[in-house]
Amino acid sequence: MASRMLEKTRPPEATLPAGGNGHAAVPPAFGDGGGSGWGAEPSPVATARVGLWTLLVAVTMLFVAFTASYLSRRNAPDWTPVPLPGLLWVNTAVLAASSAALEWARRAWRRGEGERLRRGLAVASGLGALFLLGQIAAWRQLIDAGVFMRSSPHSAFFYLLTAVHGLHLLGGLGGLGYALRRTDGPAVEGAALYWHFLAGLWVYVFLILFFI
């Protein structure tokens, strides 16, 4: 009688749902690569977005360092400003038009207008390539005028800043080509962000070279 009473009053043992192999199932461990919970891995889109913002910060810091060197070197006795080609004004307008075309393409994507999206990306890419050709033409004008990188500190900074910006813009053209091939949201938004950043960066470089 006493043993039966003990069995009735004994608390039930806690149980866990059985896993597929008959053992108790446990939550996934942190970092196990599961699709949810703490172990979830970041999506490729989120990873690309973080990488893009990291790149933008790095490029910004690079040009901040260039600016600091420029302003410091500008006070040296051997600083002699060189006349810059007027073609740079035209190039600036071309890049601004390219950025505007890309913004038009991005809005077309948001409205689901695929044909206008592709057209806008193509126009933005073409104008971007035209800008690079214009920069090379500006270099040729300076070279024909006898102004080289070693001619003066000002000309050295001109060649340096325009070359580094041009290399990043060349990478931006690759991003536009990728967006044109994919025509999906993350590719278009990422390419637009980077391209608008480069357009604003060029205006910044342009103002420094011409007016400071």
N, C-alpha and C. Protein backbone atom coordinates (compact mmCIF):
# COMPACT_ATOMS: atom_id res chain seq x y z
N MET A 1 0.83 -1.20 0.00
CA MET A 1 0.00 0.00 0.00
C MET A 1 0.87 1.26 0.00
N ALA A 2 1.90 1.24 0.84
CA ALA A 2 2.78 2.42 0.92
C ALA A 2 3.49 2.66 -0.40
N SER A 3 3.93 1.58 -1.09
CA SER A 3 4.64 1.74 -2.37
C SER A 3 3.73 2.31 -3.43
N ARG A 4 2.45 1.94 -3.42
CA ARG A 4 1.51 2.50 -4.41
C ARG A 4 1.29 3.98 -4.17
N MET A 5 1.22 4.38 -2.91
CA MET A 5 1.04 5.80 -2.61
C MET A 5 2.24 6.61 -3.06
N LEU A 6 3.47 6.03 -2.89
CA LEU A 6 4.67 6.73 -3.33
C LEU A 6 4.68 6.90 -4.84
N GLU A 7 4.23 5.89 -5.58
CA GLU A 7 4.19 5.98 -7.05
C GLU A 7 3.22 7.05 -7.51
N LYS A 8 2.10 7.21 -6.82
CA LYS A 8 1.11 8.21 -7.21
C LYS A 8 1.61 9.62 -6.95
N THR A 9 2.35 9.80 -5.86
CA THR A 9 2.81 11.15 -5.51
C THR A 9 4.13 11.52 -6.15
N ARG A 10 4.83 10.56 -6.78
CA ARG A 10 6.12 10.86 -7.41
C ARG A 10 5.91 11.77 -8.62
N PRO A 11 6.65 12.91 -8.73
CA PRO A 11 6.46 13.82 -9.88
C PRO A 11 6.91 13.16 -11.17
N PRO A 12 6.21 13.45 -12.29
CA PRO A 12 6.58 12.85 -13.58
C PRO A 12 7.93 13.37 -14.04
N GLU A 13 8.70 12.51 -14.69
CA GLU A 13 10.01 12.90 -15.20
C GLU A 13 9.86 13.80 -16.41
N ALA A 14 10.71 14.83 -16.45
CA ALA A 14 10.68 15.74 -17.60
C ALA A 14 11.18 15.03 -18.84
N THR A 15 10.51 15.26 -19.92
CA THR A 15 10.88 14.61 -21.18
C THR A 15 11.09 15.66 -22.25
N LEU A 16 11.93 15.36 -23.21
CA LEU A 16 12.20 16.21 -24.36
C LEU A 16 11.69 15.51 -25.60
N PRO A 17 11.29 16.29 -26.61
CA PRO A 17 10.85 15.66 -27.86
C PRO A 17 11.99 14.83 -28.43
N ALA A 18 11.64 13.71 -28.92
CA ALA A 18 12.64 12.81 -29.49
C ALA A 18 13.08 13.30 -30.84
N GLY A 19 14.37 13.17 -31.10
CA GLY A 19 14.90 13.53 -32.40
C GLY A 19 14.67 12.42 -33.39
N GLY A 20 15.18 12.61 -34.59
CA GLY A 20 14.97 11.63 -35.64
C GLY A 20 15.64 10.30 -35.35
N ASN A 21 16.71 10.27 -34.48
CA ASN A 21 17.40 9.04 -34.18
C ASN A 21 16.98 8.45 -32.85
N GLY A 22 15.87 8.97 -32.29
CA GLY A 22 15.35 8.42 -31.06
C GLY A 22 15.90 9.08 -29.82
N HIS A 23 16.90 9.93 -29.95
CA HIS A 23 17.46 10.65 -28.81
C HIS A 23 16.72 11.96 -28.62
N ALA A 24 16.91 12.54 -27.47
CA ALA A 24 16.25 13.81 -27.19
C ALA A 24 16.79 14.90 -28.10
N ALA A 25 15.89 15.69 -28.69
CA ALA A 25 16.30 16.78 -29.57
C ALA A 25 16.78 17.95 -28.75
N VAL A 26 17.86 18.63 -29.19
CA VAL A 26 18.40 19.78 -28.49
C VAL A 26 18.45 20.94 -29.47
N PRO A 27 18.39 22.19 -29.00
CA PRO A 27 18.48 23.35 -29.90
C PRO A 27 19.81 23.36 -30.61
N PRO A 28 19.85 23.92 -31.81
CA PRO A 28 21.13 24.01 -32.53
C PRO A 28 22.11 24.89 -31.80
N ALA A 29 23.38 24.53 -31.85
CA ALA A 29 24.41 25.30 -31.17
C ALA A 29 24.69 26.59 -31.92
N PHE A 30 25.23 27.55 -31.22
CA PHE A 30 25.55 28.84 -31.83
C PHE A 30 26.58 28.64 -32.93
N GLY A 31 26.28 29.22 -34.11
CA GLY A 31 27.25 29.15 -35.19
C GLY A 31 27.20 27.86 -35.97
N ASP A 32 26.12 27.06 -35.80
CA ASP A 32 26.08 25.80 -36.53
C ASP A 32 25.62 25.96 -37.95
N GLY A 33 25.30 27.24 -38.37
CA GLY A 33 24.90 27.46 -39.75
C GLY A 33 23.45 27.15 -40.02
N GLY A 34 22.62 27.05 -38.96
CA GLY A 34 21.22 26.78 -39.19
C GLY A 34 20.52 27.97 -39.81
N GLY A 35 19.31 27.76 -40.24
CA GLY A 35 18.59 28.81 -40.94
C GLY A 35 17.88 29.79 -40.04
N SER A 36 17.87 29.51 -38.69
CA SER A 36 17.17 30.41 -37.79
C SER A 36 17.86 30.38 -36.45
N GLY A 37 17.49 31.33 -35.59
CA GLY A 37 18.07 31.37 -34.27
C GLY A 37 19.46 31.94 -34.28
N TRP A 38 20.14 31.66 -33.15
CA TRP A 38 21.49 32.20 -33.01
C TRP A 38 22.44 31.65 -34.04
N GLY A 39 22.19 30.45 -34.51
CA GLY A 39 23.11 29.84 -35.45
C GLY A 39 22.92 30.28 -36.88
N ALA A 40 22.01 31.23 -37.13
CA ALA A 40 21.72 31.63 -38.50
C ALA A 40 22.90 32.37 -39.10
N GLU A 41 23.24 32.06 -40.33
CA GLU A 41 24.31 32.75 -41.05
C GLU A 41 23.73 33.96 -41.78
N PRO A 42 24.51 35.03 -41.92
CA PRO A 42 24.01 36.20 -42.66
C PRO A 42 23.77 35.84 -44.11
N SER A 43 22.76 36.45 -44.68
CA SER A 43 22.45 36.19 -46.08
C SER A 43 23.50 36.80 -46.99
N PRO A 44 23.65 36.32 -48.22
CA PRO A 44 24.61 36.92 -49.15
C PRO A 44 24.35 38.41 -49.40
N VAL A 45 23.07 38.80 -49.41
CA VAL A 45 22.75 40.21 -49.63
C VAL A 45 23.26 41.06 -48.48
N ALA A 46 23.04 40.60 -47.24
CA ALA A 46 23.52 41.35 -46.08
C ALA A 46 25.04 41.41 -46.05
N THR A 47 25.68 40.31 -46.42
CA THR A 47 27.15 40.30 -46.46
C THR A 47 27.67 41.28 -47.50
N ALA A 48 27.03 41.29 -48.68
CA ALA A 48 27.46 42.22 -49.74
C ALA A 48 27.25 43.66 -49.31
N ARG A 49 26.16 43.93 -48.60
CA ARG A 49 25.88 45.29 -48.16
C ARG A 49 26.94 45.75 -47.16
N VAL A 50 27.30 44.89 -46.23
CA VAL A 50 28.34 45.23 -45.26
C VAL A 50 29.67 45.46 -45.97
N GLY A 51 29.98 44.59 -46.95
CA GLY A 51 31.22 44.76 -47.70
C GLY A 51 31.27 46.07 -48.47
N LEU A 52 30.12 46.46 -49.05
CA LEU A 52 30.07 47.70 -49.80
C LEU A 52 30.29 48.90 -48.89
N TRP A 53 29.62 48.92 -47.74
CA TRP A 53 29.80 50.04 -46.83
C TRP A 53 31.22 50.09 -46.28
N THR A 54 31.82 48.93 -46.08
CA THR A 54 33.22 48.91 -45.65
C THR A 54 34.12 49.52 -46.71
N LEU A 55 33.84 49.20 -47.98
CA LEU A 55 34.61 49.77 -49.07
C LEU A 55 34.44 51.28 -49.13
N LEU A 56 33.22 51.77 -48.97
CA LEU A 56 32.98 53.21 -49.02
C LEU A 56 33.72 53.94 -47.90
N VAL A 57 33.72 53.36 -46.73
CA VAL A 57 34.45 53.97 -45.61
C VAL A 57 35.94 53.99 -45.90
N ALA A 58 36.47 52.88 -46.45
CA ALA A 58 37.90 52.82 -46.76
C ALA A 58 38.29 53.85 -47.81
N VAL A 59 37.48 53.99 -48.86
CA VAL A 59 37.78 54.97 -49.91
C VAL A 59 37.70 56.39 -49.34
N THR A 60 36.72 56.63 -48.49
CA THR A 60 36.59 57.95 -47.87
C THR A 60 37.83 58.29 -47.04
N MET A 61 38.29 57.34 -46.25
CA MET A 61 39.48 57.57 -45.43
C MET A 61 40.71 57.80 -46.30
N LEU A 62 40.78 57.09 -47.43
CA LEU A 62 41.91 57.28 -48.34
C LEU A 62 41.95 58.70 -48.87
N PHE A 63 40.81 59.22 -49.29
CA PHE A 63 40.79 60.57 -49.85
C PHE A 63 40.89 61.64 -48.76
N VAL A 64 40.49 61.32 -47.56
CA VAL A 64 40.74 62.24 -46.45
C VAL A 64 42.23 62.37 -46.22
N ALA A 65 42.95 61.26 -46.30
CA ALA A 65 44.41 61.30 -46.15
C ALA A 65 45.04 62.09 -47.29
N PHE A 66 44.55 61.89 -48.53
CA PHE A 66 45.06 62.66 -49.66
C PHE A 66 44.83 64.16 -49.44
N THR A 67 43.65 64.50 -48.94
CA THR A 67 43.32 65.90 -48.72
C THR A 67 44.24 66.53 -47.67
N ALA A 68 44.50 65.79 -46.60
CA ALA A 68 45.39 66.30 -45.56
C ALA A 68 46.79 66.54 -46.13
N SER A 69 47.27 65.61 -46.93
CA SER A 69 48.59 65.78 -47.55
C SER A 69 48.60 66.96 -48.52
N TYR A 70 47.50 67.10 -49.27
CA TYR A 70 47.39 68.19 -50.23
C TYR A 70 47.44 69.55 -49.54
N LEU A 71 46.66 69.69 -48.47
CA LEU A 71 46.60 70.96 -47.76
C LEU A 71 47.93 71.27 -47.08
N SER A 72 48.59 70.23 -46.59
CA SER A 72 49.88 70.44 -45.95
C SER A 72 50.95 70.83 -46.97
N ARG A 73 50.95 70.12 -48.11
CA ARG A 73 51.96 70.39 -49.14
C ARG A 73 51.73 71.73 -49.82
N ARG A 74 50.51 72.19 -49.81
CA ARG A 74 50.16 73.42 -50.51
C ARG A 74 50.86 74.64 -49.91
N ASN A 75 51.24 74.56 -48.66
CA ASN A 75 51.89 75.69 -47.99
C ASN A 75 53.39 75.71 -48.20
N ALA A 76 53.92 74.76 -48.95
CA ALA A 76 55.36 74.72 -49.18
C ALA A 76 55.77 75.81 -50.17
N PRO A 77 57.01 76.29 -50.10
CA PRO A 77 57.45 77.38 -50.99
C PRO A 77 57.44 77.00 -52.47
N ASP A 78 57.61 75.71 -52.78
CA ASP A 78 57.68 75.31 -54.19
C ASP A 78 56.33 75.01 -54.80
N TRP A 79 55.26 75.35 -54.09
CA TRP A 79 53.92 75.07 -54.62
C TRP A 79 53.59 76.06 -55.72
N THR A 80 53.35 75.53 -56.92
CA THR A 80 52.98 76.38 -58.06
C THR A 80 51.76 75.79 -58.73
N PRO A 81 50.60 76.45 -58.63
CA PRO A 81 49.41 75.90 -59.28
C PRO A 81 49.58 75.85 -60.79
N VAL A 82 49.07 74.80 -61.40
CA VAL A 82 49.12 74.67 -62.85
C VAL A 82 47.72 74.88 -63.40
N PRO A 83 47.59 75.47 -64.58
CA PRO A 83 46.26 75.63 -65.17
C PRO A 83 45.68 74.28 -65.56
N LEU A 84 44.50 74.02 -65.06
CA LEU A 84 43.86 72.72 -65.34
C LEU A 84 43.00 72.82 -66.59
N PRO A 85 42.86 71.73 -67.32
CA PRO A 85 42.08 71.75 -68.57
C PRO A 85 40.61 72.09 -68.32
N GLY A 86 40.08 72.93 -69.16
CA GLY A 86 38.65 73.25 -69.07
C GLY A 86 37.76 72.06 -69.36
N LEU A 87 38.34 71.02 -69.99
CA LEU A 87 37.58 69.80 -70.27
C LEU A 87 37.05 69.15 -69.01
N LEU A 88 37.69 69.41 -67.89
CA LEU A 88 37.23 68.81 -66.64
C LEU A 88 35.82 69.26 -66.27
N TRP A 89 35.46 70.48 -66.66
CA TRP A 89 34.08 70.93 -66.42
C TRP A 89 33.09 70.08 -67.21
N VAL A 90 33.43 69.79 -68.44
CA VAL A 90 32.56 68.94 -69.27
C VAL A 90 32.48 67.53 -68.68
N ASN A 91 33.63 67.01 -68.24
CA ASN A 91 33.64 65.67 -67.64
C ASN A 91 32.76 65.61 -66.40
N THR A 92 32.80 66.67 -65.62
CA THR A 92 31.96 66.72 -64.41
C THR A 92 30.49 66.67 -64.77
N ALA A 93 30.10 67.40 -65.79
CA ALA A 93 28.70 67.38 -66.23
C ALA A 93 28.31 66.01 -66.75
N VAL A 94 29.22 65.33 -67.44
CA VAL A 94 28.94 64.00 -67.97
C VAL A 94 28.72 63.01 -66.82
N LEU A 95 29.56 63.08 -65.79
CA LEU A 95 29.39 62.16 -64.67
C LEU A 95 28.11 62.45 -63.90
N ALA A 96 27.76 63.72 -63.77
CA ALA A 96 26.49 64.07 -63.12
C ALA A 96 25.31 63.52 -63.91
N ALA A 97 25.37 63.59 -65.24
CA ALA A 97 24.31 63.04 -66.07
C ALA A 97 24.24 61.52 -65.92
N SER A 98 25.40 60.88 -65.80
CA SER A 98 25.42 59.43 -65.60
C SER A 98 24.76 59.05 -64.28
N SER A 99 25.05 59.81 -63.23
CA SER A 99 24.43 59.54 -61.94
C SER A 99 22.92 59.75 -61.99
N ALA A 100 22.48 60.77 -62.73
CA ALA A 100 21.05 61.02 -62.87
C ALA A 100 20.38 59.88 -63.64
N ALA A 101 21.03 59.38 -64.69
CA ALA A 101 20.47 58.26 -65.45
C ALA A 101 20.36 57.02 -64.59
N LEU A 102 21.33 56.80 -63.73
CA LEU A 102 21.28 55.63 -62.86
C LEU A 102 20.16 55.76 -61.83
N GLU A 103 19.96 56.96 -61.32
CA GLU A 103 18.85 57.16 -60.38
C GLU A 103 17.51 56.92 -61.08
N TRP A 104 17.40 57.34 -62.32
CA TRP A 104 16.19 57.08 -63.10
C TRP A 104 15.99 55.57 -63.27
N ALA A 105 17.08 54.85 -63.50
CA ALA A 105 17.00 53.40 -63.64
C ALA A 105 16.56 52.75 -62.34
N ARG A 106 17.09 53.23 -61.23
CA ARG A 106 16.72 52.64 -59.94
C ARG A 106 15.24 52.86 -59.65
N ARG A 107 14.72 54.01 -59.96
CA ARG A 107 13.30 54.26 -59.74
C ARG A 107 12.45 53.41 -60.69
N ALA A 108 12.96 53.17 -61.88
CA ALA A 108 12.24 52.29 -62.80
C ALA A 108 12.16 50.88 -62.25
N TRP A 109 13.24 50.43 -61.62
CA TRP A 109 13.21 49.09 -61.01
C TRP A 109 12.17 49.03 -59.89
N ARG A 110 12.09 50.07 -59.09
CA ARG A 110 11.13 50.08 -57.99
C ARG A 110 9.69 50.06 -58.51
N ARG A 111 9.47 50.59 -59.70
CA ARG A 111 8.13 50.56 -60.30
C ARG A 111 7.90 49.31 -61.13
N GLY A 112 8.90 48.44 -61.22
CA GLY A 112 8.76 47.21 -61.98
C GLY A 112 8.85 47.41 -63.48
N GLU A 113 9.52 48.47 -63.93
CA GLU A 113 9.66 48.76 -65.36
C GLU A 113 11.02 48.26 -65.84
N GLY A 114 11.03 46.99 -66.23
CA GLY A 114 12.29 46.34 -66.58
C GLY A 114 13.01 46.97 -67.76
N GLU A 115 12.26 47.36 -68.79
CA GLU A 115 12.89 47.91 -69.98
C GLU A 115 13.56 49.25 -69.68
N ARG A 116 12.88 50.10 -68.92
CA ARG A 116 13.48 51.38 -68.56
C ARG A 116 14.66 51.19 -67.62
N LEU A 117 14.59 50.18 -66.79
CA LEU A 117 15.72 49.88 -65.92
C LEU A 117 16.96 49.55 -66.74
N ARG A 118 16.82 48.66 -67.71
CA ARG A 118 17.97 48.29 -68.53
C ARG A 118 18.47 49.47 -69.36
N ARG A 119 17.55 50.29 -69.85
CA ARG A 119 17.95 51.44 -70.64
C ARG A 119 18.72 52.44 -69.78
N GLY A 120 18.23 52.69 -68.57
CA GLY A 120 18.91 53.62 -67.68
C GLY A 120 20.29 53.14 -67.28
N LEU A 121 20.41 51.83 -67.01
CA LEU A 121 21.72 51.28 -66.66
C LEU A 121 22.69 51.38 -67.83
N ALA A 122 22.18 51.14 -69.04
CA ALA A 122 23.05 51.23 -70.22
C ALA A 122 23.52 52.67 -70.44
N VAL A 123 22.61 53.63 -70.27
CA VAL A 123 22.99 55.04 -70.45
C VAL A 123 23.99 55.46 -69.39
N ALA A 124 23.75 55.07 -68.14
CA ALA A 124 24.67 55.41 -67.06
C ALA A 124 26.05 54.82 -67.31
N SER A 125 26.09 53.59 -67.78
CA SER A 125 27.38 52.95 -68.07
C SER A 125 28.10 53.66 -69.21
N GLY A 126 27.35 53.99 -70.27
CA GLY A 126 27.97 54.68 -71.40
C GLY A 126 28.53 56.04 -71.02
N LEU A 127 27.78 56.79 -70.22
CA LEU A 127 28.26 58.10 -69.79
C LEU A 127 29.45 57.96 -68.84
N GLY A 128 29.44 56.91 -68.02
CA GLY A 128 30.58 56.68 -67.15
C GLY A 128 31.85 56.38 -67.94
N ALA A 129 31.71 55.56 -68.99
CA ALA A 129 32.86 55.29 -69.85
C ALA A 129 33.33 56.56 -70.56
N LEU A 130 32.37 57.41 -70.97
CA LEU A 130 32.72 58.66 -71.62
C LEU A 130 33.47 59.57 -70.65
N PHE A 131 33.09 59.57 -69.39
CA PHE A 131 33.80 60.35 -68.39
C PHE A 131 35.26 59.91 -68.28
N LEU A 132 35.49 58.61 -68.24
CA LEU A 132 36.86 58.12 -68.15
C LEU A 132 37.67 58.51 -69.38
N LEU A 133 37.07 58.42 -70.55
CA LEU A 133 37.76 58.85 -71.76
C LEU A 133 38.07 60.34 -71.70
N GLY A 134 37.14 61.12 -71.15
CA GLY A 134 37.37 62.55 -71.00
C GLY A 134 38.52 62.84 -70.04
N GLN A 135 38.63 62.04 -68.98
CA GLN A 135 39.74 62.23 -68.05
C GLN A 135 41.08 61.93 -68.73
N ILE A 136 41.11 60.89 -69.54
CA ILE A 136 42.33 60.58 -70.28
C ILE A 136 42.67 61.71 -71.25
N ALA A 137 41.64 62.26 -71.90
CA ALA A 137 41.86 63.39 -72.81
C ALA A 137 42.41 64.60 -72.04
N ALA A 138 41.93 64.82 -70.82
CA ALA A 138 42.45 65.93 -70.01
C ALA A 138 43.92 65.71 -69.67
N TRP A 139 44.27 64.48 -69.37
CA TRP A 139 45.67 64.16 -69.14
C TRP A 139 46.52 64.47 -70.38
N ARG A 140 46.00 64.09 -71.54
CA ARG A 140 46.74 64.34 -72.78
C ARG A 140 46.93 65.84 -73.02
N GLN A 141 45.93 66.62 -72.69
CA GLN A 141 46.07 68.07 -72.85
C GLN A 141 47.18 68.62 -71.96
N LEU A 142 47.25 68.13 -70.73
CA LEU A 142 48.31 68.59 -69.83
C LEU A 142 49.68 68.13 -70.34
N ILE A 143 49.75 66.89 -70.79
CA ILE A 143 51.02 66.38 -71.30
C ILE A 143 51.47 67.17 -72.52
N ASP A 144 50.53 67.48 -73.43
CA ASP A 144 50.88 68.28 -74.61
C ASP A 144 51.34 69.68 -74.22
N ALA A 145 50.85 70.16 -73.08
CA ALA A 145 51.28 71.49 -72.60
C ALA A 145 52.56 71.42 -71.79
N GLY A 146 53.14 70.24 -71.68
CA GLY A 146 54.40 70.09 -70.95
C GLY A 146 54.24 69.99 -69.45
N VAL A 147 53.04 69.63 -68.99
CA VAL A 147 52.79 69.49 -67.55
C VAL A 147 52.75 68.00 -67.23
N PHE A 148 53.72 67.57 -66.44
CA PHE A 148 53.81 66.15 -66.08
C PHE A 148 53.65 66.00 -64.57
N MET A 149 53.67 64.78 -64.11
CA MET A 149 53.49 64.53 -62.68
C MET A 149 54.62 65.16 -61.87
N ARG A 150 55.83 65.17 -62.43
CA ARG A 150 56.97 65.72 -61.71
C ARG A 150 57.14 67.23 -61.92
N SER A 151 56.24 67.84 -62.68
CA SER A 151 56.41 69.27 -62.98
C SER A 151 56.26 70.14 -61.74
N SER A 152 55.30 69.80 -60.89
CA SER A 152 55.07 70.57 -59.67
C SER A 152 54.25 69.72 -58.71
N PRO A 153 54.23 70.06 -57.43
CA PRO A 153 53.40 69.32 -56.48
C PRO A 153 51.91 69.34 -56.87
N HIS A 154 51.46 70.48 -57.40
CA HIS A 154 50.05 70.58 -57.78
C HIS A 154 49.71 69.60 -58.90
N SER A 155 50.57 69.53 -59.91
CA SER A 155 50.31 68.60 -61.01
C SER A 155 50.43 67.15 -60.53
N ALA A 156 51.34 66.89 -59.58
CA ALA A 156 51.47 65.54 -59.04
C ALA A 156 50.18 65.11 -58.34
N PHE A 157 49.60 66.01 -57.55
CA PHE A 157 48.35 65.70 -56.88
C PHE A 157 47.22 65.54 -57.90
N PHE A 158 47.25 66.33 -58.96
CA PHE A 158 46.20 66.18 -59.97
C PHE A 158 46.23 64.79 -60.58
N TYR A 159 47.39 64.35 -61.01
CA TYR A 159 47.49 63.03 -61.61
C TYR A 159 47.14 61.93 -60.61
N LEU A 160 47.59 62.10 -59.37
CA LEU A 160 47.33 61.08 -58.35
C LEU A 160 45.84 60.96 -58.05
N LEU A 161 45.20 62.09 -57.76
CA LEU A 161 43.79 62.07 -57.37
C LEU A 161 42.89 61.58 -58.50
N THR A 162 43.14 62.08 -59.71
CA THR A 162 42.29 61.66 -60.84
C THR A 162 42.54 60.20 -61.19
N ALA A 163 43.77 59.72 -61.03
CA ALA A 163 44.05 58.31 -61.34
C ALA A 163 43.37 57.38 -60.34
N VAL A 164 43.48 57.69 -59.05
CA VAL A 164 42.86 56.83 -58.04
C VAL A 164 41.34 56.85 -58.17
N HIS A 165 40.78 58.03 -58.41
CA HIS A 165 39.33 58.10 -58.61
C HIS A 165 38.92 57.33 -59.86
N GLY A 166 39.71 57.45 -60.93
CA GLY A 166 39.38 56.74 -62.16
C GLY A 166 39.41 55.23 -61.99
N LEU A 167 40.35 54.72 -61.20
CA LEU A 167 40.41 53.28 -60.95
C LEU A 167 39.16 52.80 -60.20
N HIS A 168 38.73 53.58 -59.22
CA HIS A 168 37.52 53.20 -58.50
C HIS A 168 36.29 53.30 -59.41
N LEU A 169 36.29 54.29 -60.30
CA LEU A 169 35.17 54.42 -61.23
C LEU A 169 35.15 53.25 -62.21
N LEU A 170 36.32 52.77 -62.60
CA LEU A 170 36.38 51.61 -63.47
C LEU A 170 35.75 50.40 -62.78
N GLY A 171 36.01 50.26 -61.49
CA GLY A 171 35.34 49.21 -60.73
C GLY A 171 33.84 49.43 -60.68
N GLY A 172 33.42 50.70 -60.59
CA GLY A 172 31.99 51.00 -60.61
C GLY A 172 31.33 50.62 -61.92
N LEU A 173 32.05 50.76 -63.02
CA LEU A 173 31.51 50.31 -64.32
C LEU A 173 31.28 48.80 -64.31
N GLY A 174 32.19 48.08 -63.66
CA GLY A 174 31.97 46.65 -63.52
C GLY A 174 30.71 46.35 -62.72
N GLY A 175 30.48 47.15 -61.67
CA GLY A 175 29.25 46.98 -60.89
C GLY A 175 28.01 47.29 -61.70
N LEU A 176 28.06 48.30 -62.55
CA LEU A 176 26.92 48.61 -63.41
C LEU A 176 26.66 47.48 -64.41
N GLY A 177 27.75 46.92 -64.95
CA GLY A 177 27.58 45.79 -65.85
C GLY A 177 26.95 44.59 -65.17
N TYR A 178 27.34 44.36 -63.92
CA TYR A 178 26.75 43.26 -63.14
C TYR A 178 25.27 43.52 -62.89
N ALA A 179 24.93 44.77 -62.53
CA ALA A 179 23.52 45.11 -62.31
C ALA A 179 22.71 44.98 -63.59
N LEU A 180 23.30 45.32 -64.73
CA LEU A 180 22.61 45.21 -66.00
C LEU A 180 22.34 43.75 -66.36
N ARG A 181 23.26 42.90 -65.97
CA ARG A 181 23.07 41.48 -66.25
C ARG A 181 22.05 40.84 -65.31
N ARG A 182 22.07 41.25 -64.05
CA ARG A 182 21.18 40.64 -63.05
C ARG A 182 19.79 41.30 -63.03
N THR A 183 19.77 42.64 -63.09
CA THR A 183 18.54 43.44 -63.00
C THR A 183 17.68 43.05 -61.80
N ASP A 184 18.32 42.76 -60.67
CA ASP A 184 17.57 42.51 -59.46
C ASP A 184 17.83 43.64 -58.46
N GLY A 185 17.03 43.67 -57.40
CA GLY A 185 17.08 44.77 -56.45
C GLY A 185 18.43 44.99 -55.79
N PRO A 186 19.01 43.98 -55.14
CA PRO A 186 20.29 44.20 -54.46
C PRO A 186 21.39 44.69 -55.39
N ALA A 187 21.46 44.13 -56.60
CA ALA A 187 22.51 44.55 -57.54
C ALA A 187 22.31 45.99 -57.97
N VAL A 188 21.08 46.37 -58.27
CA VAL A 188 20.80 47.74 -58.71
C VAL A 188 21.04 48.73 -57.58
N GLU A 189 20.56 48.42 -56.39
CA GLU A 189 20.73 49.34 -55.26
C GLU A 189 22.20 49.48 -54.89
N GLY A 190 22.94 48.38 -54.89
CA GLY A 190 24.36 48.44 -54.56
C GLY A 190 25.15 49.24 -55.58
N ALA A 191 24.88 48.99 -56.87
CA ALA A 191 25.59 49.73 -57.92
C ALA A 191 25.26 51.22 -57.86
N ALA A 192 24.00 51.54 -57.59
CA ALA A 192 23.60 52.95 -57.52
C ALA A 192 24.27 53.66 -56.35
N LEU A 193 24.32 53.00 -55.21
CA LEU A 193 24.96 53.62 -54.03
C LEU A 193 26.43 53.90 -54.32
N TYR A 194 27.13 52.94 -54.87
CA TYR A 194 28.56 53.11 -55.14
C TYR A 194 28.78 54.19 -56.21
N TRP A 195 27.94 54.19 -57.24
CA TRP A 195 28.12 55.15 -58.33
C TRP A 195 27.84 56.58 -57.86
N HIS A 196 26.78 56.77 -57.10
CA HIS A 196 26.48 58.11 -56.57
C HIS A 196 27.61 58.57 -55.64
N PHE A 197 28.15 57.65 -54.89
CA PHE A 197 29.28 57.99 -54.01
C PHE A 197 30.47 58.48 -54.84
N LEU A 198 30.79 57.80 -55.93
CA LEU A 198 31.92 58.19 -56.77
C LEU A 198 31.65 59.53 -57.46
N ALA A 199 30.41 59.79 -57.84
CA ALA A 199 30.08 61.08 -58.45
C ALA A 199 30.29 62.21 -57.45
N GLY A 200 29.81 62.01 -56.21
CA GLY A 200 30.04 63.03 -55.19
C GLY A 200 31.51 63.18 -54.85
N LEU A 201 32.24 62.07 -54.86
CA LEU A 201 33.67 62.13 -54.57
C LEU A 201 34.40 62.93 -55.65
N TRP A 202 33.98 62.76 -56.92
CA TRP A 202 34.64 63.52 -57.97
C TRP A 202 34.39 65.02 -57.82
N VAL A 203 33.18 65.41 -57.45
CA VAL A 203 32.89 66.83 -57.24
C VAL A 203 33.79 67.38 -56.13
N TYR A 204 33.99 66.59 -55.11
CA TYR A 204 34.87 66.99 -54.01
C TYR A 204 36.31 67.18 -54.51
N VAL A 205 36.82 66.21 -55.28
CA VAL A 205 38.18 66.31 -55.83
C VAL A 205 38.29 67.50 -56.78
N PHE A 206 37.27 67.68 -57.61
CA PHE A 206 37.25 68.79 -58.57
C PHE A 206 37.35 70.13 -57.87
N LEU A 207 36.59 70.31 -56.79
CA LEU A 207 36.62 71.58 -56.07
C LEU A 207 37.99 71.81 -55.41
N ILE A 208 38.58 70.76 -54.91
CA ILE A 208 39.90 70.91 -54.27
C ILE A 208 40.94 71.34 -55.32
N LEU A 209 40.94 70.65 -56.44
CA LEU A 209 41.96 70.93 -57.45
C LEU A 209 41.81 72.32 -58.07
N PHE A 210 40.58 72.77 -58.25
CA PHE A 210 40.35 74.04 -58.92
C PHE A 210 40.37 75.25 -57.97
N PHE A 211 39.90 75.07 -56.76
CA PHE A 211 39.64 76.25 -55.92
C PHE A 211 40.42 76.28 -54.61
N ILE A 212 41.17 75.25 -54.30
CA ILE A 212 41.92 75.26 -53.03
C ILE A 212 43.42 75.19 -53.32
